[in-house]
Amino acid sequence: MPEETTDDRPTYEQAREELVDVVRRLETGAATLEESLALWERGEALAAVCQDWLDGARAKLDAAVARDGGGPKPS
């Protein structure tokens, strides 16, 4: 099931996909210095979006574990 957003923020998958593209473009070395700087800045922003999604997922997992008593119960 895809993640939904309530604002203009991309989903984790969208941000990751665009970040991969930015890295590929930077690695080719074909961009001008100005273009490379713009790509770098976009990559930093996309990495922050991905980290926010991952942090949110970790918080949800931590809350679920805490709610369930801290881990698996012996059978």
Protein backbone atom coordinates (compact mmCIF):
# COMPACT_ATOMS: atom_id res chain seq x y z
CA MET A 1 0.00 0.00 0.00
CA PRO A 2 1.55 3.37 -0.97
CA GLU A 3 2.15 5.97 1.67
CA GLU A 4 -0.16 8.97 1.54
CA THR A 5 0.80 12.57 2.08
CA THR A 6 -1.34 15.40 3.35
CA ASP A 7 0.82 18.13 1.85
CA ASP A 8 3.15 18.60 -1.12
CA ARG A 9 5.80 16.36 0.41
CA PRO A 10 6.62 13.36 -1.78
CA THR A 11 6.21 9.83 -0.51
CA TYR A 12 9.34 8.02 0.64
CA GLU A 13 9.45 6.06 -2.61
CA GLN A 14 9.09 9.19 -4.76
CA ALA A 15 11.82 11.02 -2.85
CA ARG A 16 14.15 8.01 -2.96
CA GLU A 17 13.61 7.53 -6.69
CA GLU A 18 14.33 11.19 -7.42
CA LEU A 19 17.38 11.10 -5.13
CA VAL A 20 18.77 8.13 -7.06
CA ASP A 21 18.31 10.11 -10.27
CA VAL A 22 20.07 13.15 -8.78
CA VAL A 23 23.03 10.99 -7.71
CA ARG A 24 23.26 9.42 -11.18
CA ARG A 25 23.27 12.85 -12.79
CA LEU A 26 25.98 14.09 -10.44
CA GLU A 27 28.09 10.98 -11.00
CA THR A 28 28.17 11.51 -14.77
CA GLY A 29 30.07 14.75 -14.26
CA ALA A 30 28.32 16.27 -17.26
CA ALA A 31 26.59 19.07 -15.34
CA THR A 32 28.04 22.54 -15.03
CA LEU A 33 29.19 23.73 -11.64
CA GLU A 34 25.98 25.72 -11.19
CA GLU A 35 23.84 22.73 -12.19
CA SER A 36 25.85 20.45 -9.91
CA LEU A 37 25.29 22.77 -6.96
CA ALA A 38 21.55 22.86 -7.67
CA LEU A 39 21.47 19.07 -7.93
CA TRP A 40 23.42 18.74 -4.68
CA GLU A 41 20.96 21.02 -2.88
CA ARG A 42 18.02 19.06 -4.27
CA GLY A 43 19.67 15.83 -3.20
CA GLU A 44 20.16 17.15 0.33
CA ALA A 45 16.48 18.14 0.49
CA LEU A 46 15.38 14.74 -0.80
CA ALA A 47 17.64 12.94 1.67
CA ALA A 48 16.01 14.95 4.47
CA VAL A 49 12.54 13.94 3.25
CA CYS A 50 13.60 10.28 3.21
CA GLN A 51 15.06 10.58 6.70
CA ASP A 52 11.83 12.18 7.97
CA TRP A 53 9.82 9.25 6.60
CA LEU A 54 12.21 6.74 8.17
CA ASP A 55 12.17 8.56 11.51
CA GLY A 56 8.36 8.55 11.45
CA ALA A 57 8.28 4.84 10.68
CA ARG A 58 10.73 4.13 13.52
CA ALA A 59 8.59 6.15 15.94
CA LYS A 60 5.49 4.16 14.93
CA LEU A 61 7.33 0.87 15.40
CA ASP A 62 8.69 1.96 18.77
CA ALA A 63 5.20 3.00 19.88
CA ALA A 64 3.72 -0.33 18.76
CA VAL A 65 6.42 -2.30 20.59
CA ALA A 66 5.93 -0.23 23.74
CA ARG A 67 2.16 -0.67 23.53
CA ASP A 68 2.56 -4.44 23.16
CA GLY A 69 4.74 -4.76 26.22
CA GLY A 70 8.17 -4.50 24.69
CA GLY A 71 8.48 -7.50 22.43
CA PRO A 72 7.37 -10.98 21.56
CA LYS A 73 5.75 -13.05 24.25
CA PRO A 74 6.91 -16.60 24.93
CA SER A 75 4.55 -19.27 23.66
